[in-house]
C-alpha atoms as a PDB file:
ATOM      1  CA  MET A   1      -3.306   4.562   6.095  1.00  0.00           C
ATOM      2  CA  ILE A   2      -3.849   6.014   3.047  1.00  0.00           C
ATOM      3  CA  TYR A   3      -4.453   2.919   0.703  1.00  0.00           C
ATOM      4  CA  THR A   4      -5.435  -0.810   1.091  1.00  0.00           C
ATOM      5  CA  THR A   5      -5.494  -3.801  -1.247  1.00  0.00           C
ATOM      6  CA  ASN A   6      -5.734  -7.340  -1.399  1.00  0.00           C
ATOM      7  CA  ASN A   7      -3.074  -7.807  -4.148  1.00  0.00           C
ATOM      8  CA  HIS A   8       0.420  -8.043  -2.867  1.00  0.00           C
ATOM      9  CA  GLN A   9       2.084  -6.985  -6.132  1.00  0.00           C
ATOM     10  CA  GLU A  10      -0.223  -4.024  -6.330  1.00  0.00           C
ATOM     11  CA  ALA A  11       1.241  -2.893  -2.919  1.00  0.00           C
ATOM     12  CA  MET A  12       4.610  -3.546  -3.697  1.00  0.00           C
ATOM     13  CA  TYR A  13       4.542  -1.506  -6.894  1.00  0.00           C
ATOM     14  CA  LEU A  14       2.704   1.268  -5.042  1.00  0.00           C
ATOM     15  CA  LYS A  15       5.605   1.194  -2.285  1.00  0.00           C
ATOM     16  CA  GLY A  16       8.181   1.368  -4.913  1.00  0.00           C
ATOM     17  CA  LEU A  17       6.424   4.076  -7.089  1.00  0.00           C
ATOM     18  CA  LEU A  18       6.095   6.351  -3.953  1.00  0.00           C
ATOM     19  CA  GLU A  19       9.898   5.360  -2.530  1.00  0.00           C
ATOM     20  CA  ASN A  20      10.980   6.802  -5.804  1.00  0.00           C
ATOM     21  CA  GLU A  21       9.132  10.118  -4.852  1.00  0.00           C
ATOM     22  CA  ASN A  22      11.260  10.007  -1.809  1.00  0.00           C
ATOM     23  CA  ILE A  23       7.916   9.157   0.507  1.00  0.00           C
ATOM     24  CA  TYR A  24       8.676   6.651   3.282  1.00  0.00           C
ATOM     25  CA  VAL A  25       6.243   3.824   2.893  1.00  0.00           C
ATOM     26  CA  VAL A  26       5.190   0.902   5.458  1.00  0.00           C
ATOM     27  CA  VAL A  27       3.061  -1.985   4.008  1.00  0.00           C
ATOM     28  CA  MET A  28       1.375  -4.012   6.415  1.00  0.00           C
ATOM     29  CA  SER A  29      -0.222  -7.297   5.732  1.00  0.00           C
ATOM     30  CA  LYS A  30      -3.323  -8.089   7.504  1.00  0.00           C
ATOM     31  CA  ARG A  31      -5.096 -11.516   7.647  1.00  0.00           C
ATOM     32  CA  THR A  32      -8.545 -11.497   7.473  1.00  0.00           C
ATOM     33  CA  GLN A  33      -8.906 -15.301   8.320  1.00  0.00           C
ATOM     34  CA  PRO A  34      -5.771 -16.071  10.600  1.00  0.00           C
ATOM     35  CA  TYR A  35      -6.040 -19.852  10.211  1.00  0.00           C
ATOM     36  CA  LEU A  36      -5.786 -20.111   6.672  1.00  0.00           C
ATOM     37  CA  ASN A  37      -2.892 -19.921   4.563  1.00  0.00           C
ATOM     38  CA  ASN A  38      -4.739 -18.398   1.643  1.00  0.00           C
ATOM     39  CA  PRO A  39      -2.893 -15.258   0.184  1.00  0.00           C
ATOM     40  CA  LEU A  40      -6.315 -14.153  -1.241  1.00  0.00           C
ATOM     41  CA  THR A  41      -7.651 -13.505   2.567  1.00  0.00           C
ATOM     42  CA  ASN A  42      -4.747 -10.853   3.184  1.00  0.00           C
ATOM     43  CA  ASN A  43      -5.317  -7.203   3.058  1.00  0.00           C
ATOM     44  CA  PHE A  44      -2.365  -4.929   2.346  1.00  0.00           C
ATOM     45  CA  GLU A  45      -2.532  -1.636   4.256  1.00  0.00           C
ATOM     46  CA  ILE A  46      -0.188   1.215   3.050  1.00  0.00           C
ATOM     47  CA  TYR A  47       0.964   3.635   5.516  1.00  0.00           C
ATOM     48  CA  VAL A  48       3.037   7.022   5.249  1.00  0.00           C
ATOM     49  CA  HIS A  49       3.861   9.977   7.583  1.00  0.00           C
ATOM     50  CA  TYR A  50       1.002  12.172   7.659  1.00  0.00           C
ATOM     51  CA  ASP A  51       3.114  15.034   6.328  1.00  0.00           C
ATOM     52  CA  GLN A  52       3.658  13.269   3.292  1.00  0.00           C
ATOM     53  CA  ALA A  53       0.142  11.639   2.791  1.00  0.00           C
ATOM     54  CA  GLU A  54      -1.448  14.526   0.513  1.00  0.00           C
ATOM     55  CA  ALA A  55       1.757  13.932  -1.752  1.00  0.00           C
ATOM     56  CA  ALA A  56       1.520   9.996  -1.675  1.00  0.00           C
ATOM     57  CA  LEU A  57      -2.280  10.223  -2.596  1.00  0.00           C
ATOM     58  CA  ASP A  58      -1.644  12.521  -5.440  1.00  0.00           C
ATOM     59  CA  HIS A  59       0.814  10.200  -7.000  1.00  0.00           C
ATOM     60  CA  ILE A  60      -1.554   6.982  -6.262  1.00  0.00           C
ATOM     61  CA  TYR A  61      -4.811   8.586  -7.899  1.00  0.00           C
ATOM     62  CA  ASN A  62      -2.882  10.563 -10.754  1.00  0.00           C
ATOM     63  CA  MET A  63      -0.785   7.388 -12.022  1.00  0.00           C
ATOM     64  CA  PRO A  64      -1.608   6.043 -15.469  1.00  0.00           C
ATOM     65  CA  GLU A  65      -3.595   2.845 -15.421  1.00  0.00           C
END
């Protein structure tokens, strides 16, 4: 896991950004409260292959805000 957020749009944006750089990405949604159907209680974890982790982190932390 290289990044975590509770914002679904941010997770999907980062996935698209990394895939445009030919970095393969998996986004997993983890519910913090299993019985509530509230999207604010979800955590989204971004995973990449360990060979691509350094490049992925460079892209994430050097992107313009």
